[in-house]
N, C-alpha and C. Protein backbone atom coordinates (compact mmCIF):
# COMPACT_ATOMS: atom_id res chain seq x y z
N MET A 1 -7.37 13.11 -8.20
CA MET A 1 -7.05 13.28 -6.06
C MET A 1 -6.55 13.97 -5.54
N ILE A 2 -6.36 15.79 -7.04
CA ILE A 2 -5.79 16.45 -6.17
C ILE A 2 -6.03 17.11 -5.57
N GLY A 3 -5.99 17.72 -4.25
CA GLY A 3 -6.40 18.61 -2.80
C GLY A 3 -7.49 17.46 -2.53
N LYS A 4 -7.14 16.51 -2.17
CA LYS A 4 -8.49 15.72 -1.45
C LYS A 4 -8.61 14.53 -0.48
N ASP A 5 -8.86 14.70 0.80
CA ASP A 5 -8.95 14.12 1.25
C ASP A 5 -8.52 11.77 1.32
N HIS A 6 -7.30 11.74 2.15
CA HIS A 6 -6.88 10.86 0.73
C HIS A 6 -7.75 9.78 2.05
N ILE A 7 -8.58 9.96 3.29
CA ILE A 7 -9.10 8.89 3.49
C ILE A 7 -10.34 8.80 3.10
N MET A 8 -10.89 9.72 2.43
CA MET A 8 -11.97 9.47 1.89
C MET A 8 -12.26 9.09 0.10
N TYR A 9 -11.18 8.12 0.00
CA TYR A 9 -11.08 8.36 -1.31
C TYR A 9 -11.31 6.93 -1.70
N PRO A 10 -12.27 6.67 -2.43
CA PRO A 10 -13.14 5.15 -2.35
C PRO A 10 -12.61 4.79 -3.53
N PHE A 11 -11.29 4.75 -3.45
CA PHE A 11 -10.69 3.33 -4.65
C PHE A 11 -9.23 2.84 -3.94
N LEU A 12 -9.54 3.24 -2.58
CA LEU A 12 -8.84 2.55 -1.64
C LEU A 12 -9.66 0.87 -0.19
N THR A 13 -9.47 0.42 0.34
CA THR A 13 -9.96 -0.35 1.18
C THR A 13 -9.71 -0.43 2.17
N ARG A 14 -10.50 -0.76 2.65
CA ARG A 14 -10.62 -0.11 4.56
C ARG A 14 -9.24 0.10 5.35
N MET A 15 -8.44 -1.44 4.56
CA MET A 15 -6.66 -1.92 5.64
C MET A 15 -6.53 -0.43 5.20
N GLU A 16 -6.54 -0.25 3.59
CA GLU A 16 -5.13 0.39 2.50
C GLU A 16 -5.57 2.23 3.40
N LYS A 17 -6.63 1.78 3.97
CA LYS A 17 -7.16 3.03 4.52
C LYS A 17 -6.13 3.99 5.55
N ILE A 18 -6.39 2.81 6.41
CA ILE A 18 -4.94 2.56 7.92
C ILE A 18 -4.24 3.09 7.30
N ILE A 19 -3.78 2.07 6.67
CA ILE A 19 -2.59 2.16 6.32
C ILE A 19 -1.62 3.34 5.80
N ALA A 20 -2.63 3.78 5.26
CA ALA A 20 -1.98 4.99 3.96
C ALA A 20 -1.70 6.13 5.39
N MET A 21 -3.14 6.02 6.68
CA MET A 21 -3.01 7.22 6.98
C MET A 21 -2.79 7.57 8.53
N ARG A 22 -1.81 6.07 8.92
CA ARG A 22 -0.29 6.02 9.90
C ARG A 22 1.20 6.58 8.77
N LYS A 23 1.28 6.03 7.79
CA LYS A 23 2.27 6.67 6.47
C LYS A 23 1.89 8.65 7.34
N PHE A 24 1.23 8.73 6.56
CA PHE A 24 0.33 10.43 6.85
C PHE A 24 0.83 10.94 8.21
N ILE A 25 0.74 10.72 9.56
CA ILE A 25 0.99 10.42 10.68
C ILE A 25 2.65 10.40 10.95
N GLN A 26 3.31 9.28 10.40
CA GLN A 26 4.67 8.74 10.32
C GLN A 26 5.16 11.07 9.64
N ARG A 27 4.54 11.21 8.50
CA ARG A 27 4.83 12.16 8.10
C ARG A 27 5.03 13.36 8.15
N LEU A 28 3.65 13.31 9.01
CA LEU A 28 3.65 14.32 9.82
C LEU A 28 4.52 14.90 11.26
N SER A 29 5.30 13.94 12.06
CA SER A 29 5.59 13.67 13.12
C SER A 29 6.99 14.42 12.76
N GLY A 30 7.40 13.88 11.48
CA GLY A 30 9.03 14.28 10.58
C GLY A 30 9.78 13.20 10.92
N LYS A 31 9.37 11.96 10.25
CA LYS A 31 9.80 11.22 10.05
C LYS A 31 9.87 10.70 8.82
N TYR A 32 11.00 9.94 8.45
CA TYR A 32 11.00 9.72 6.65
C TYR A 32 10.22 8.71 6.45
N VAL A 33 9.27 8.96 5.48
CA VAL A 33 8.33 6.89 5.28
C VAL A 33 9.16 7.44 4.20
N LYS A 34 9.59 5.74 4.02
CA LYS A 34 10.54 4.53 2.64
C LYS A 34 8.93 5.36 1.51
N PRO A 35 8.68 4.90 0.61
CA PRO A 35 7.92 4.71 -0.75
C PRO A 35 7.25 3.09 -0.36
N TYR A 36 6.53 2.74 -0.71
CA TYR A 36 5.28 1.81 0.07
C TYR A 36 4.48 1.94 -0.59
N LYS A 37 3.69 -0.01 -0.68
CA LYS A 37 3.18 -0.36 -1.60
C LYS A 37 1.66 -0.37 -1.18
N LEU A 38 0.82 -0.42 -1.98
CA LEU A 38 -0.91 0.07 -1.78
C LEU A 38 -1.92 -0.22 -3.34
N GLU A 39 -2.57 -1.03 -2.28
CA GLU A 39 -4.24 -1.78 -3.03
C GLU A 39 -4.82 -0.73 -3.90
N PHE A 40 -5.06 -0.57 -5.11
CA PHE A 40 -6.09 0.64 -5.42
C PHE A 40 -7.06 -0.46 -5.82
N ILE A 41 -8.34 0.67 -5.91
CA ILE A 41 -9.75 -0.22 -6.64
C ILE A 41 -10.26 0.53 -7.66
N ALA A 42 -9.64 -0.09 -8.84
CA ALA A 42 -10.43 0.84 -9.81
C ALA A 42 -11.84 0.95 -9.96
N LYS A 43 -12.82 1.65 -10.57
CA LYS A 43 -14.37 2.18 -10.86
C LYS A 43 -14.81 0.55 -11.47
N ASN A 44 -14.22 -0.65 -12.26
CA ASN A 44 -14.73 -1.13 -12.63
C ASN A 44 -14.32 -2.78 -11.74
N GLY A 45 -13.41 -2.40 -10.84
CA GLY A 45 -13.51 -3.45 -9.75
C GLY A 45 -11.86 -4.05 -9.82
N ASN A 46 -11.36 -3.44 -11.13
CA ASN A 46 -9.74 -4.56 -10.65
C ASN A 46 -9.07 -3.56 -9.62
N VAL A 47 -7.95 -4.71 -9.37
CA VAL A 47 -7.61 -4.17 -7.78
C VAL A 47 -5.62 -3.91 -8.90
N PHE A 48 -5.24 -2.83 -8.38
CA PHE A 48 -4.02 -2.54 -8.93
C PHE A 48 -2.72 -1.80 -7.43
N LEU A 49 -1.45 -2.40 -7.83
CA LEU A 49 -0.76 -2.64 -6.78
C LEU A 49 -0.14 -1.27 -6.65
N LYS A 50 0.58 -0.43 -6.18
CA LYS A 50 0.75 0.78 -6.67
C LYS A 50 1.59 1.09 -5.81
N GLU A 51 3.09 1.73 -6.33
CA GLU A 51 3.78 2.32 -5.09
C GLU A 51 3.49 3.54 -4.83
N VAL A 52 3.85 4.19 -3.57
CA VAL A 52 3.52 5.29 -2.54
C VAL A 52 4.16 6.61 -2.69
N ASP A 53 4.69 7.57 -3.04
CA ASP A 53 6.07 7.70 -2.27
C ASP A 53 5.69 9.47 -2.06
N ALA A 54 5.86 9.86 -1.03
CA ALA A 54 5.63 11.05 -0.68
C ALA A 54 6.66 12.32 -0.08
N ARG A 55 6.75 13.76 -0.37
CA ARG A 55 7.54 14.12 0.87
C ARG A 55 6.48 14.78 1.48
N THR A 56 7.50 15.44 2.49
CA THR A 56 6.77 17.32 2.55
C THR A 56 8.05 18.32 2.90
N ILE A 57 6.39 19.89 2.34
CA ILE A 57 7.18 20.34 1.91
C ILE A 57 7.30 21.71 3.14
N LYS A 58 8.11 22.80 3.73
CA LYS A 58 8.33 22.57 5.01
C LYS A 58 8.23 24.43 4.80
N ASP A 59 7.67 25.09 5.58
CA ASP A 59 7.90 26.45 5.38
C ASP A 59 9.03 26.53 5.98
N GLU A 60 9.69 28.33 6.56
CA GLU A 60 11.07 28.51 6.91
C GLU A 60 11.04 28.41 8.36
N ASN A 61 9.44 27.54 9.05
CA ASN A 61 9.57 27.32 10.88
C ASN A 61 9.53 25.91 10.76
N LYS A 62 10.12 24.85 9.47
CA LYS A 62 9.65 23.36 9.51
C LYS A 62 8.56 22.82 10.55
N ASN A 63 7.53 24.21 9.28
CA ASN A 63 5.83 23.46 9.48
C ASN A 63 5.77 23.11 8.82
N VAL A 64 4.92 21.58 8.61
CA VAL A 64 4.55 21.33 7.12
C VAL A 64 3.35 22.23 6.40
N VAL A 65 3.56 22.53 4.83
CA VAL A 65 2.41 23.15 4.52
C VAL A 65 2.13 22.70 3.49
N MET A 66 2.66 21.34 2.71
CA MET A 66 2.00 20.26 2.10
C MET A 66 2.81 18.98 1.45
N ILE A 67 2.82 18.43 1.09
CA ILE A 67 2.62 17.01 0.99
C ILE A 67 2.86 16.78 -0.30
N ILE A 68 3.58 16.59 -1.02
CA ILE A 68 3.41 16.09 -2.60
C ILE A 68 3.65 14.33 -2.49
N VAL A 69 2.92 13.92 -3.04
CA VAL A 69 2.40 12.36 -3.51
C VAL A 69 2.91 12.73 -4.74
N MET A 70 3.77 11.33 -5.45
CA MET A 70 4.12 10.48 -7.19
C MET A 70 3.44 8.80 -5.94
N VAL A 71 2.44 8.57 -7.31
CA VAL A 71 1.67 7.31 -7.08
C VAL A 71 2.61 6.57 -8.25
N THR A 72 2.83 5.18 -8.21
CA THR A 72 3.36 4.99 -9.93
C THR A 72 2.95 3.07 -9.57
N GLU A 73 1.82 3.35 -10.63
CA GLU A 73 1.13 1.48 -11.08
C GLU A 73 2.45 0.66 -11.18
N LEU A 74 2.66 0.05 -10.34
CA LEU A 74 3.92 -1.25 -11.05
C LEU A 74 3.16 -2.74 -11.80
N ARG A 75 3.43 -2.45 -12.44
CA ARG A 75 3.38 -3.60 -13.82
C ARG A 75 4.36 -4.89 -13.26
N LYS A 76 3.58 -5.97 -14.33
CA LYS A 76 3.87 -7.00 -13.93
C LYS A 76 4.66 -7.41 -15.33
N GLN A 77 5.76 -7.80 -15.45
CA GLN A 77 7.43 -7.50 -16.89
C GLN A 77 6.51 -8.79 -17.48
């Protein structure tokens, strides 16, 4: 996943890609985006619910230079 365009990720459904892109655009526009859930599809077809939490890193001019993303699998207890 490192350095990849998340819209090209084969492990997200079309709808999940749309949700991820909307959140990405919100972040780039300077809005805070709280953690959200997405369904990821494994190579074997199994679907896993994961939480996505991302933070923007800005330079001294307040330009976004990087987005750090943490994806956590949500397991049933």
